[in-house]
Amino acid sequence: MLYDCRSPADRDRGIAAAIEAVKNGELVVLPTDTVYGIGADAFTPYAVKALLDAKGRGRQMPPPVLIGSRHTLDGLVFSLPTAARDLVEAFWPGALTIVVEHSPSLQWDLGDKTGTVAVRMPLHPVALEVLRETGPMAVSSANKTGQPAAVTAEEARDQLSYSVRAYLEAGPCPDPVPSTIVDLTGEVPQLLRAGAIPLEKLRDVVPDLVDSQGV
């Protein structure tokens, strides 16, 4: 079902429905500050599998994890590098995804790549309201693999149909550029994907950041 979160009453119903769906292991589509995302409880393996199946994606590409609070990050990682803390302080909530080593004690199955996780705190009130109730969610762009990323919930529904329990519509994404991805698992921070936050701004915080081509 699609809920128009631009209406206060529908927003309350939609957020409640999305929270219930995630806790029941079902899929939801929600707005972020980049593009719309399809999400599932990160700690429910069959829900993560359903997310990958809905997109037509295999386990070789684990979905990123979205969180509703900076403090949640401390519960996901064993040790957070200083560069990661500095970037989080500067750009979260926002369009920055960081790749870090997750705690080995976490009981989740996001895909074939183990030991690391791509994590982000989005700057969108609807997403944050859901995430603060559900906890960490596996979230990928709300589209079939190979198709354009959805910039409204209605576009997402056209592609994903009945595989999703609740669609939260908040209007078109204001800036549908994907998040910037920085890998912080090695000795030198590395830009994996250029996105909404430019390299120059990142280097203001972490001067030794290099891009994936070594520039």
N, C-alpha and C. Protein backbone atom coordinates (compact mmCIF):
# COMPACT_ATOMS: atom_id res chain seq x y z
N MET A 1 0.84 -1.19 0.00
CA MET A 1 0.00 0.00 0.00
C MET A 1 0.88 1.25 0.00
N LEU A 2 0.44 2.29 -0.71
CA LEU A 2 1.19 3.53 -0.77
C LEU A 2 0.57 4.56 0.15
N TYR A 3 1.44 5.19 0.97
CA TYR A 3 1.00 6.23 1.91
C TYR A 3 1.66 7.55 1.51
N ASP A 4 0.84 8.60 1.42
CA ASP A 4 1.37 9.91 1.06
C ASP A 4 1.80 10.65 2.33
N CYS A 5 3.09 10.66 2.59
CA CYS A 5 3.61 11.25 3.82
C CYS A 5 3.61 12.77 3.80
N ARG A 6 3.13 13.37 2.70
CA ARG A 6 2.95 14.82 2.69
C ARG A 6 1.67 15.22 3.41
N SER A 7 0.81 14.25 3.67
CA SER A 7 -0.39 14.45 4.48
C SER A 7 -0.09 13.98 5.90
N PRO A 8 -0.27 14.83 6.93
CA PRO A 8 0.08 14.44 8.30
C PRO A 8 -0.57 13.13 8.75
N ALA A 9 -1.85 12.95 8.45
CA ALA A 9 -2.55 11.74 8.88
C ALA A 9 -2.00 10.51 8.16
N ASP A 10 -1.82 10.64 6.85
CA ASP A 10 -1.30 9.53 6.06
C ASP A 10 0.15 9.23 6.45
N ARG A 11 0.90 10.28 6.79
CA ARG A 11 2.29 10.08 7.22
C ARG A 11 2.35 9.22 8.48
N ASP A 12 1.52 9.53 9.45
CA ASP A 12 1.52 8.76 10.70
C ASP A 12 1.15 7.30 10.44
N ARG A 13 0.11 7.10 9.61
CA ARG A 13 -0.31 5.73 9.28
C ARG A 13 0.78 4.99 8.51
N GLY A 14 1.39 5.69 7.57
CA GLY A 14 2.41 5.06 6.74
C GLY A 14 3.65 4.66 7.54
N ILE A 15 4.10 5.56 8.40
CA ILE A 15 5.28 5.25 9.21
C ILE A 15 4.99 4.08 10.14
N ALA A 16 3.81 4.07 10.74
CA ALA A 16 3.44 2.95 11.61
C ALA A 16 3.38 1.64 10.83
N ALA A 17 2.82 1.70 9.61
CA ALA A 17 2.73 0.50 8.78
C ALA A 17 4.11 0.02 8.36
N ALA A 18 5.00 0.95 8.04
CA ALA A 18 6.35 0.58 7.63
C ALA A 18 7.12 -0.06 8.78
N ILE A 19 6.99 0.51 9.97
CA ILE A 19 7.68 -0.04 11.13
C ILE A 19 7.19 -1.46 11.41
N GLU A 20 5.87 -1.64 11.36
CA GLU A 20 5.30 -2.97 11.59
C GLU A 20 5.78 -3.96 10.53
N ALA A 21 5.82 -3.51 9.27
CA ALA A 21 6.25 -4.39 8.18
C ALA A 21 7.70 -4.84 8.37
N VAL A 22 8.57 -3.90 8.70
CA VAL A 22 9.99 -4.24 8.89
C VAL A 22 10.15 -5.23 10.04
N LYS A 23 9.44 -4.99 11.14
CA LYS A 23 9.54 -5.88 12.29
C LYS A 23 8.99 -7.27 12.00
N ASN A 24 8.11 -7.36 10.97
CA ASN A 24 7.55 -8.65 10.56
C ASN A 24 8.37 -9.31 9.44
N GLY A 25 9.49 -8.71 9.10
CA GLY A 25 10.35 -9.29 8.06
C GLY A 25 9.91 -8.99 6.65
N GLU A 26 9.07 -7.97 6.48
CA GLU A 26 8.59 -7.59 5.14
C GLU A 26 9.37 -6.39 4.62
N LEU A 27 9.14 -6.07 3.35
CA LEU A 27 9.87 -5.00 2.67
C LEU A 27 9.09 -3.70 2.67
N VAL A 28 9.82 -2.59 2.72
CA VAL A 28 9.21 -1.26 2.61
C VAL A 28 10.03 -0.42 1.64
N VAL A 29 9.39 0.59 1.08
CA VAL A 29 10.08 1.61 0.29
C VAL A 29 9.94 2.93 1.02
N LEU A 30 11.07 3.62 1.20
CA LEU A 30 11.05 4.87 1.94
C LEU A 30 11.93 5.90 1.27
N PRO A 31 11.63 7.18 1.48
CA PRO A 31 12.44 8.24 0.88
C PRO A 31 13.74 8.41 1.65
N THR A 32 14.79 8.82 0.95
CA THR A 32 16.03 9.24 1.61
C THR A 32 16.42 10.59 0.99
N ASP A 33 17.55 11.10 1.40
CA ASP A 33 18.01 12.37 0.85
C ASP A 33 18.69 12.20 -0.51
N THR A 34 18.83 10.97 -0.98
CA THR A 34 19.39 10.74 -2.32
C THR A 34 18.27 10.22 -3.23
N VAL A 35 18.06 8.92 -3.26
CA VAL A 35 16.95 8.33 -4.02
C VAL A 35 16.12 7.48 -3.07
N TYR A 36 14.97 7.01 -3.55
CA TYR A 36 14.14 6.14 -2.71
C TYR A 36 14.83 4.79 -2.51
N GLY A 37 14.63 4.22 -1.33
CA GLY A 37 15.27 2.96 -1.01
C GLY A 37 14.27 1.87 -0.71
N ILE A 38 14.62 0.63 -1.03
CA ILE A 38 13.84 -0.52 -0.60
C ILE A 38 14.58 -1.13 0.58
N GLY A 39 13.85 -1.34 1.69
CA GLY A 39 14.53 -1.72 2.92
C GLY A 39 13.92 -2.91 3.61
N ALA A 40 14.76 -3.55 4.45
CA ALA A 40 14.36 -4.71 5.24
C ALA A 40 15.17 -4.70 6.53
N ASP A 41 14.68 -5.41 7.53
CA ASP A 41 15.42 -5.55 8.77
C ASP A 41 16.77 -6.20 8.48
N ALA A 42 17.86 -5.53 8.87
CA ALA A 42 19.20 -6.02 8.56
C ALA A 42 19.51 -7.34 9.27
N PHE A 43 18.79 -7.65 10.34
CA PHE A 43 19.09 -8.84 11.13
C PHE A 43 18.13 -10.00 10.86
N THR A 44 17.32 -9.88 9.81
CA THR A 44 16.40 -10.95 9.42
C THR A 44 16.84 -11.48 8.05
N PRO A 45 17.59 -12.59 8.02
CA PRO A 45 18.18 -13.06 6.76
C PRO A 45 17.16 -13.27 5.63
N TYR A 46 15.98 -13.82 5.94
CA TYR A 46 15.01 -14.05 4.85
C TYR A 46 14.48 -12.73 4.29
N ALA A 47 14.44 -11.68 5.14
CA ALA A 47 14.00 -10.37 4.66
C ALA A 47 15.04 -9.76 3.73
N VAL A 48 16.32 -9.91 4.08
CA VAL A 48 17.39 -9.42 3.21
C VAL A 48 17.38 -10.18 1.89
N LYS A 49 17.14 -11.49 1.94
CA LYS A 49 17.05 -12.28 0.71
C LYS A 49 15.88 -11.80 -0.15
N ALA A 50 14.75 -11.50 0.50
CA ALA A 50 13.59 -11.00 -0.24
C ALA A 50 13.91 -9.67 -0.92
N LEU A 51 14.69 -8.83 -0.24
CA LEU A 51 15.10 -7.55 -0.83
C LEU A 51 15.94 -7.79 -2.08
N LEU A 52 16.92 -8.67 -1.99
CA LEU A 52 17.77 -8.96 -3.15
C LEU A 52 16.95 -9.58 -4.28
N ASP A 53 16.02 -10.46 -3.93
CA ASP A 53 15.16 -11.09 -4.95
C ASP A 53 14.28 -10.05 -5.64
N ALA A 54 13.75 -9.12 -4.86
CA ALA A 54 12.86 -8.09 -5.42
C ALA A 54 13.61 -7.22 -6.44
N LYS A 55 14.89 -6.97 -6.16
CA LYS A 55 15.70 -6.17 -7.07
C LYS A 55 16.26 -6.99 -8.23
N GLY A 56 16.25 -8.33 -8.09
CA GLY A 56 16.89 -9.16 -9.09
C GLY A 56 18.40 -9.14 -8.97
N ARG A 57 18.87 -9.08 -7.72
CA ARG A 57 20.31 -8.98 -7.45
C ARG A 57 20.77 -10.19 -6.66
N GLY A 58 22.01 -10.62 -6.90
CA GLY A 58 22.55 -11.77 -6.19
C GLY A 58 23.24 -11.39 -4.90
N ARG A 59 23.69 -12.41 -4.18
CA ARG A 59 24.34 -12.21 -2.89
C ARG A 59 25.73 -11.60 -2.99
N GLN A 60 26.25 -11.53 -4.22
CA GLN A 60 27.60 -10.97 -4.38
C GLN A 60 27.63 -9.46 -4.18
N MET A 61 26.45 -8.82 -4.11
CA MET A 61 26.38 -7.37 -3.89
C MET A 61 25.52 -7.08 -2.67
N PRO A 62 26.08 -7.22 -1.47
CA PRO A 62 25.30 -6.98 -0.25
C PRO A 62 24.78 -5.55 -0.19
N PRO A 63 23.57 -5.35 0.32
CA PRO A 63 23.03 -4.00 0.41
C PRO A 63 23.68 -3.21 1.53
N PRO A 64 23.73 -1.89 1.39
CA PRO A 64 24.19 -1.05 2.50
C PRO A 64 23.21 -1.11 3.66
N VAL A 65 23.64 -0.60 4.80
CA VAL A 65 22.80 -0.54 5.99
C VAL A 65 22.57 0.92 6.35
N LEU A 66 21.31 1.29 6.56
CA LEU A 66 20.97 2.64 7.02
C LEU A 66 20.65 2.59 8.51
N ILE A 67 21.07 3.64 9.21
CA ILE A 67 20.81 3.74 10.65
C ILE A 67 20.19 5.10 10.96
N GLY A 68 19.52 5.15 12.11
CA GLY A 68 18.79 6.37 12.48
C GLY A 68 19.51 7.25 13.47
N SER A 69 20.71 6.84 13.91
CA SER A 69 21.45 7.61 14.90
C SER A 69 22.93 7.33 14.75
N ARG A 70 23.76 8.35 14.97
CA ARG A 70 25.21 8.15 14.94
C ARG A 70 25.63 7.12 16.00
N HIS A 71 24.96 7.12 17.13
CA HIS A 71 25.34 6.21 18.22
C HIS A 71 25.18 4.75 17.81
N THR A 72 24.26 4.48 16.89
CA THR A 72 24.05 3.10 16.44
C THR A 72 25.31 2.54 15.81
N LEU A 73 26.11 3.41 15.19
CA LEU A 73 27.33 2.96 14.52
C LEU A 73 28.27 2.26 15.50
N ASP A 74 28.34 2.75 16.73
CA ASP A 74 29.24 2.15 17.71
C ASP A 74 28.85 0.72 18.04
N GLY A 75 27.57 0.39 17.89
CA GLY A 75 27.13 -0.96 18.15
C GLY A 75 27.37 -1.92 16.99
N LEU A 76 27.72 -1.37 15.83
CA LEU A 76 27.91 -2.20 14.64
C LEU A 76 29.37 -2.51 14.35
N VAL A 77 30.27 -1.68 14.88
CA VAL A 77 31.69 -1.85 14.56
C VAL A 77 32.48 -2.20 15.80
N PHE A 78 33.56 -2.94 15.59
CA PHE A 78 34.43 -3.31 16.72
C PHE A 78 35.32 -2.15 17.11
N SER A 79 35.88 -1.49 16.10
CA SER A 79 36.74 -0.34 16.34
C SER A 79 36.61 0.61 15.15
N LEU A 80 36.24 1.86 15.41
CA LEU A 80 36.00 2.82 14.34
C LEU A 80 37.25 3.69 14.14
N PRO A 81 37.82 3.70 12.93
CA PRO A 81 39.00 4.53 12.68
C PRO A 81 38.71 6.01 12.92
N THR A 82 39.75 6.74 13.27
CA THR A 82 39.60 8.18 13.51
C THR A 82 39.03 8.89 12.29
N ALA A 83 39.50 8.51 11.10
CA ALA A 83 39.01 9.14 9.87
C ALA A 83 37.51 8.92 9.71
N ALA A 84 37.03 7.74 10.10
CA ALA A 84 35.60 7.47 10.01
C ALA A 84 34.82 8.37 10.96
N ARG A 85 35.30 8.52 12.18
CA ARG A 85 34.62 9.40 13.15
C ARG A 85 34.59 10.84 12.66
N ASP A 86 35.69 11.28 12.07
CA ASP A 86 35.75 12.65 11.58
C ASP A 86 34.76 12.87 10.43
N LEU A 87 34.67 11.91 9.52
CA LEU A 87 33.75 12.02 8.39
C LEU A 87 32.29 11.98 8.85
N VAL A 88 32.01 11.10 9.80
CA VAL A 88 30.65 11.01 10.35
C VAL A 88 30.26 12.32 11.03
N GLU A 89 31.19 12.87 11.78
CA GLU A 89 30.93 14.14 12.48
C GLU A 89 30.63 15.26 11.48
N ALA A 90 31.33 15.24 10.35
CA ALA A 90 31.20 16.32 9.37
C ALA A 90 29.98 16.15 8.45
N PHE A 91 29.62 14.91 8.11
CA PHE A 91 28.66 14.72 7.01
C PHE A 91 27.41 13.92 7.36
N TRP A 92 27.29 13.43 8.58
CA TRP A 92 26.07 12.72 8.97
C TRP A 92 25.19 13.59 9.83
N PRO A 93 23.87 13.47 9.68
CA PRO A 93 23.20 12.72 8.62
C PRO A 93 23.41 13.38 7.26
N GLY A 94 23.53 12.55 6.24
CA GLY A 94 23.79 13.08 4.91
C GLY A 94 24.16 12.00 3.92
N ALA A 95 24.62 12.46 2.75
CA ALA A 95 24.80 11.56 1.61
C ALA A 95 26.21 10.97 1.56
N LEU A 96 26.68 10.48 2.71
CA LEU A 96 27.98 9.82 2.78
C LEU A 96 27.80 8.41 3.31
N THR A 97 28.25 7.43 2.53
CA THR A 97 28.27 6.03 2.96
C THR A 97 29.71 5.66 3.28
N ILE A 98 29.92 5.07 4.46
CA ILE A 98 31.27 4.63 4.83
C ILE A 98 31.30 3.11 4.90
N VAL A 99 32.40 2.53 4.43
CA VAL A 99 32.61 1.09 4.51
C VAL A 99 33.58 0.84 5.67
N VAL A 100 33.12 0.08 6.65
CA VAL A 100 33.92 -0.20 7.84
C VAL A 100 33.85 -1.68 8.17
N GLU A 101 34.76 -2.13 9.03
CA GLU A 101 34.72 -3.50 9.51
C GLU A 101 33.66 -3.61 10.60
N HIS A 102 32.70 -4.53 10.41
CA HIS A 102 31.66 -4.65 11.43
C HIS A 102 32.09 -5.62 12.52
N SER A 103 31.42 -5.52 13.64
CA SER A 103 31.73 -6.38 14.77
C SER A 103 31.50 -7.84 14.40
N PRO A 104 32.44 -8.74 14.70
CA PRO A 104 32.27 -10.15 14.33
C PRO A 104 31.12 -10.83 15.06
N SER A 105 30.62 -10.22 16.12
CA SER A 105 29.54 -10.83 16.90
C SER A 105 28.16 -10.58 16.30
N LEU A 106 28.06 -9.73 15.29
CA LEU A 106 26.75 -9.40 14.73
C LEU A 106 26.12 -10.61 14.05
N GLN A 107 24.85 -10.85 14.37
CA GLN A 107 24.11 -11.97 13.79
C GLN A 107 23.31 -11.48 12.59
N TRP A 108 23.98 -11.30 11.47
CA TRP A 108 23.27 -10.92 10.26
C TRP A 108 23.89 -11.60 9.06
N ASP A 109 23.16 -11.59 7.94
CA ASP A 109 23.64 -12.18 6.70
C ASP A 109 23.20 -11.27 5.57
N LEU A 110 24.10 -10.37 5.19
CA LEU A 110 23.77 -9.39 4.15
C LEU A 110 24.17 -9.85 2.76
N GLY A 111 24.94 -10.92 2.68
CA GLY A 111 25.40 -11.39 1.38
C GLY A 111 26.72 -12.12 1.51
N ASP A 112 27.40 -12.31 0.38
CA ASP A 112 28.61 -13.13 0.35
C ASP A 112 29.83 -12.43 0.92
N LYS A 113 29.88 -11.12 0.86
CA LYS A 113 31.02 -10.39 1.40
C LYS A 113 30.85 -10.24 2.91
N THR A 114 31.76 -10.80 3.67
CA THR A 114 31.63 -10.76 5.12
C THR A 114 32.76 -9.94 5.73
N GLY A 115 32.51 -9.43 6.92
CA GLY A 115 33.54 -8.71 7.64
C GLY A 115 33.43 -7.20 7.52
N THR A 116 32.84 -6.71 6.44
CA THR A 116 32.69 -5.27 6.27
C THR A 116 31.23 -4.93 5.97
N VAL A 117 30.88 -3.66 6.20
CA VAL A 117 29.53 -3.20 5.91
C VAL A 117 29.59 -1.76 5.43
N ALA A 118 28.75 -1.42 4.47
CA ALA A 118 28.58 -0.04 4.03
C ALA A 118 27.41 0.55 4.81
N VAL A 119 27.65 1.64 5.51
CA VAL A 119 26.63 2.17 6.42
C VAL A 119 26.46 3.67 6.24
N ARG A 120 25.22 4.14 6.45
CA ARG A 120 24.91 5.56 6.24
C ARG A 120 23.76 5.97 7.15
N MET A 121 23.77 7.22 7.56
CA MET A 121 22.64 7.84 8.26
C MET A 121 22.06 8.89 7.33
N PRO A 122 20.87 8.66 6.77
CA PRO A 122 20.31 9.57 5.76
C PRO A 122 19.73 10.84 6.40
N LEU A 123 19.72 11.90 5.64
CA LEU A 123 19.14 13.17 6.09
C LEU A 123 17.73 13.30 5.51
N HIS A 124 16.80 12.54 6.07
CA HIS A 124 15.40 12.64 5.66
C HIS A 124 14.53 12.31 6.87
N PRO A 125 13.60 13.20 7.23
CA PRO A 125 12.82 12.99 8.46
C PRO A 125 12.00 11.72 8.46
N VAL A 126 11.43 11.33 7.33
CA VAL A 126 10.62 10.11 7.28
C VAL A 126 11.50 8.89 7.49
N ALA A 127 12.62 8.84 6.78
CA ALA A 127 13.52 7.70 6.93
C ALA A 127 14.03 7.59 8.37
N LEU A 128 14.42 8.72 8.94
CA LEU A 128 14.96 8.70 10.31
C LEU A 128 13.91 8.26 11.32
N GLU A 129 12.67 8.68 11.11
CA GLU A 129 11.60 8.28 12.03
C GLU A 129 11.39 6.76 12.00
N VAL A 130 11.44 6.19 10.82
CA VAL A 130 11.30 4.73 10.69
C VAL A 130 12.50 4.03 11.31
N LEU A 131 13.70 4.48 10.96
CA LEU A 131 14.92 3.80 11.40
C LEU A 131 15.10 3.84 12.91
N ARG A 132 14.65 4.90 13.54
CA ARG A 132 14.81 5.00 14.99
C ARG A 132 13.93 3.99 15.72
N GLU A 133 12.90 3.49 15.05
CA GLU A 133 12.04 2.48 15.65
C GLU A 133 12.43 1.06 15.24
N THR A 134 12.94 0.91 14.02
CA THR A 134 13.25 -0.44 13.52
C THR A 134 14.67 -0.87 13.85
N GLY A 135 15.57 0.08 14.07
CA GLY A 135 16.98 -0.26 14.14
C GLY A 135 17.56 -0.37 12.75
N PRO A 136 18.80 -0.84 12.62
CA PRO A 136 19.47 -0.89 11.32
C PRO A 136 18.67 -1.65 10.26
N MET A 137 18.60 -1.04 9.08
CA MET A 137 17.91 -1.66 7.95
C MET A 137 18.86 -1.83 6.78
N ALA A 138 18.77 -2.99 6.12
CA ALA A 138 19.42 -3.16 4.83
C ALA A 138 18.60 -2.40 3.81
N VAL A 139 19.23 -1.47 3.10
CA VAL A 139 18.50 -0.61 2.17
C VAL A 139 19.30 -0.45 0.88
N SER A 140 18.63 -0.69 -0.24
CA SER A 140 19.23 -0.48 -1.55
C SER A 140 18.30 0.41 -2.35
N SER A 141 18.79 0.93 -3.47
CA SER A 141 17.93 1.80 -4.28
C SER A 141 16.68 1.04 -4.71
N ALA A 142 15.55 1.73 -4.69
CA ALA A 142 14.24 1.09 -4.91
C ALA A 142 13.96 0.95 -6.40
N ASN A 143 14.64 0.01 -7.02
CA ASN A 143 14.45 -0.26 -8.44
C ASN A 143 14.93 -1.67 -8.75
N LYS A 144 14.47 -2.19 -9.87
CA LYS A 144 15.01 -3.44 -10.39
C LYS A 144 16.44 -3.19 -10.87
N THR A 145 17.31 -4.15 -10.66
CA THR A 145 18.69 -4.02 -11.11
C THR A 145 18.73 -3.75 -12.61
N GLY A 146 19.45 -2.69 -12.98
CA GLY A 146 19.55 -2.31 -14.39
C GLY A 146 18.55 -1.26 -14.81
N GLN A 147 17.57 -0.97 -13.96
CA GLN A 147 16.57 0.05 -14.24
C GLN A 147 16.94 1.35 -13.52
N PRO A 148 16.35 2.48 -13.94
CA PRO A 148 16.66 3.75 -13.27
C PRO A 148 16.23 3.73 -11.81
N ALA A 149 17.01 4.39 -10.96
CA ALA A 149 16.65 4.52 -9.54
C ALA A 149 15.37 5.35 -9.43
N ALA A 150 14.49 4.94 -8.54
CA ALA A 150 13.21 5.63 -8.35
C ALA A 150 13.41 6.92 -7.58
N VAL A 151 12.77 7.99 -8.06
CA VAL A 151 12.84 9.28 -7.35
C VAL A 151 11.51 9.64 -6.70
N THR A 152 10.52 8.73 -6.83
CA THR A 152 9.28 8.82 -6.05
C THR A 152 8.89 7.39 -5.65
N ALA A 153 8.04 7.29 -4.63
CA ALA A 153 7.57 5.97 -4.23
C ALA A 153 6.71 5.34 -5.32
N GLU A 154 5.99 6.19 -6.05
CA GLU A 154 5.14 5.68 -7.13
C GLU A 154 5.99 5.03 -8.24
N GLU A 155 7.12 5.66 -8.56
CA GLU A 155 8.03 5.05 -9.54
C GLU A 155 8.55 3.71 -9.02
N ALA A 156 8.86 3.66 -7.74
CA ALA A 156 9.34 2.41 -7.14
C ALA A 156 8.27 1.33 -7.23
N ARG A 157 7.02 1.71 -6.97
CA ARG A 157 5.93 0.73 -7.02
C ARG A 157 5.74 0.18 -8.43
N ASP A 158 5.96 1.03 -9.43
CA ASP A 158 5.83 0.57 -10.82
C ASP A 158 6.82 -0.56 -11.11
N GLN A 159 8.00 -0.52 -10.46
CA GLN A 159 9.01 -1.54 -10.70
C GLN A 159 8.91 -2.73 -9.76
N LEU A 160 8.58 -2.48 -8.50
CA LEU A 160 8.68 -3.52 -7.46
C LEU A 160 7.34 -4.14 -7.09
N SER A 161 6.25 -3.46 -7.38
CA SER A 161 4.90 -3.99 -7.25
C SER A 161 4.62 -4.61 -5.88
N TYR A 162 4.11 -5.84 -5.90
CA TYR A 162 3.61 -6.46 -4.66
C TYR A 162 4.71 -7.09 -3.80
N SER A 163 5.97 -6.97 -4.22
CA SER A 163 7.04 -7.50 -3.37
C SER A 163 7.24 -6.64 -2.13
N VAL A 164 6.68 -5.43 -2.13
CA VAL A 164 6.85 -4.48 -1.03
C VAL A 164 5.54 -4.28 -0.30
N ARG A 165 5.59 -4.31 1.04
CA ARG A 165 4.37 -4.19 1.84
C ARG A 165 3.89 -2.74 1.95
N ALA A 166 4.81 -1.80 2.19
CA ALA A 166 4.41 -0.40 2.40
C ALA A 166 5.33 0.52 1.61
N TYR A 167 4.71 1.44 0.87
CA TYR A 167 5.44 2.48 0.14
C TYR A 167 5.17 3.82 0.80
N LEU A 168 6.25 4.52 1.18
CA LEU A 168 6.11 5.84 1.80
C LEU A 168 6.47 6.91 0.78
N GLU A 169 5.46 7.65 0.35
CA GLU A 169 5.65 8.69 -0.67
C GLU A 169 5.89 10.04 0.02
N ALA A 170 6.97 10.70 -0.37
CA ALA A 170 7.26 12.03 0.17
C ALA A 170 7.56 13.02 -0.95
N GLY A 171 7.12 12.69 -2.15
CA GLY A 171 7.38 13.55 -3.29
C GLY A 171 8.73 13.26 -3.93
N PRO A 172 9.02 13.93 -5.04
CA PRO A 172 10.27 13.67 -5.76
C PRO A 172 11.50 13.99 -4.91
N CYS A 173 12.54 13.20 -5.08
CA CYS A 173 13.80 13.46 -4.38
C CYS A 173 14.33 14.82 -4.82
N PRO A 174 14.73 15.68 -3.89
CA PRO A 174 15.21 17.01 -4.25
C PRO A 174 16.53 16.98 -5.01
N ASP A 175 17.36 15.98 -4.75
CA ASP A 175 18.68 15.90 -5.39
C ASP A 175 19.04 14.44 -5.60
N PRO A 176 18.48 13.81 -6.65
CA PRO A 176 18.64 12.36 -6.83
C PRO A 176 20.02 11.94 -7.31
N VAL A 177 21.03 12.27 -6.52
CA VAL A 177 22.40 11.86 -6.80
C VAL A 177 22.77 10.83 -5.74
N PRO A 178 23.38 9.71 -6.11
CA PRO A 178 23.69 8.69 -5.10
C PRO A 178 24.70 9.19 -4.07
N SER A 179 24.74 8.52 -2.95
CA SER A 179 25.67 8.91 -1.89
C SER A 179 27.11 8.65 -2.33
N THR A 180 28.01 9.42 -1.76
CA THR A 180 29.43 9.19 -1.93
C THR A 180 29.84 8.03 -1.02
N ILE A 181 30.68 7.13 -1.53
CA ILE A 181 31.11 5.97 -0.74
C ILE A 181 32.61 6.06 -0.47
N VAL A 182 32.98 5.95 0.81
CA VAL A 182 34.39 5.97 1.22
C VAL A 182 34.69 4.68 1.98
N ASP A 183 35.75 4.01 1.55
CA ASP A 183 36.20 2.77 2.20
C ASP A 183 37.24 3.13 3.27
N LEU A 184 36.93 2.75 4.52
CA LEU A 184 37.81 3.06 5.64
C LEU A 184 38.38 1.80 6.29
N THR A 185 38.44 0.71 5.52
CA THR A 185 38.92 -0.56 6.07
C THR A 185 40.41 -0.76 5.88
N GLY A 186 41.04 0.05 5.04
CA GLY A 186 42.48 -0.08 4.81
C GLY A 186 43.27 0.97 5.55
N GLU A 187 44.57 0.98 5.31
CA GLU A 187 45.43 1.96 5.97
C GLU A 187 45.16 3.37 5.47
N VAL A 188 44.78 3.49 4.20
CA VAL A 188 44.51 4.81 3.60
C VAL A 188 43.04 4.87 3.19
N PRO A 189 42.28 5.89 3.63
CA PRO A 189 40.88 6.02 3.20
C PRO A 189 40.79 6.14 1.68
N GLN A 190 39.79 5.49 1.11
CA GLN A 190 39.69 5.43 -0.35
C GLN A 190 38.28 5.75 -0.81
N LEU A 191 38.18 6.63 -1.79
CA LEU A 191 36.89 6.95 -2.40
C LEU A 191 36.52 5.84 -3.37
N LEU A 192 35.40 5.16 -3.09
CA LEU A 192 34.95 4.06 -3.95
C LEU A 192 33.96 4.54 -5.00
N ARG A 193 33.14 5.54 -4.65
CA ARG A 193 32.14 6.05 -5.60
C ARG A 193 31.96 7.54 -5.39
N ALA A 194 32.14 8.31 -6.45
CA ALA A 194 31.84 9.73 -6.39
C ALA A 194 30.32 9.90 -6.31
N GLY A 195 29.88 10.87 -5.55
CA GLY A 195 28.45 11.06 -5.38
C GLY A 195 28.13 12.47 -4.94
N ALA A 196 27.14 12.57 -4.07
CA ALA A 196 26.59 13.88 -3.70
C ALA A 196 27.59 14.76 -2.96
N ILE A 197 28.52 14.15 -2.22
CA ILE A 197 29.53 14.94 -1.50
C ILE A 197 30.83 14.87 -2.29
N PRO A 198 31.32 16.01 -2.78
CA PRO A 198 32.50 15.99 -3.65
C PRO A 198 33.79 15.64 -2.90
N LEU A 199 34.74 15.12 -3.65
CA LEU A 199 36.02 14.70 -3.10
C LEU A 199 36.71 15.84 -2.34
N GLU A 200 36.60 17.06 -2.87
CA GLU A 200 37.30 18.19 -2.25
C GLU A 200 36.80 18.42 -0.82
N LYS A 201 35.50 18.30 -0.61
CA LYS A 201 34.95 18.50 0.73
C LYS A 201 35.40 17.39 1.67
N LEU A 202 35.46 16.18 1.17
CA LEU A 202 35.92 15.06 1.98
C LEU A 202 37.38 15.26 2.39
N ARG A 203 38.19 15.76 1.45
CA ARG A 203 39.61 15.96 1.74
C ARG A 203 39.84 17.10 2.73
N ASP A 204 38.87 18.01 2.86
CA ASP A 204 38.98 19.03 3.89
C ASP A 204 38.99 18.38 5.28
N VAL A 205 38.33 17.23 5.39
CA VAL A 205 38.23 16.52 6.67
C VAL A 205 39.31 15.44 6.78
N VAL A 206 39.51 14.70 5.68
CA VAL A 206 40.51 13.61 5.66
C VAL A 206 41.45 13.87 4.48
N PRO A 207 42.53 14.63 4.72
CA PRO A 207 43.39 15.05 3.60
C PRO A 207 44.05 13.92 2.83
N ASP A 208 44.26 12.77 3.45
CA ASP A 208 44.96 11.69 2.74
C ASP A 208 44.02 10.78 1.96
N LEU A 209 42.76 11.16 1.83
CA LEU A 209 41.79 10.37 1.05
C LEU A 209 42.21 10.31 -0.41
N VAL A 210 42.21 9.09 -0.97
CA VAL A 210 42.49 8.92 -2.39
C VAL A 210 41.25 8.32 -3.07
N ASP A 211 41.12 8.55 -4.38
CA ASP A 211 40.00 7.90 -5.06
C ASP A 211 40.44 6.53 -5.56
N SER A 212 39.52 5.76 -6.10
CA SER A 212 39.81 4.36 -6.44
C SER A 212 40.84 4.25 -7.57
N GLN A 213 41.11 5.35 -8.27
CA GLN A 213 42.12 5.34 -9.32
C GLN A 213 43.46 5.85 -8.80
N GLY A 214 43.52 6.19 -7.51
CA GLY A 214 44.77 6.63 -6.92
C GLY A 214 45.07 8.09 -7.13
N VAL A 215 44.05 8.89 -7.49
CA VAL A 215 44.27 10.33 -7.72
C VAL A 215 44.31 11.06 -6.38
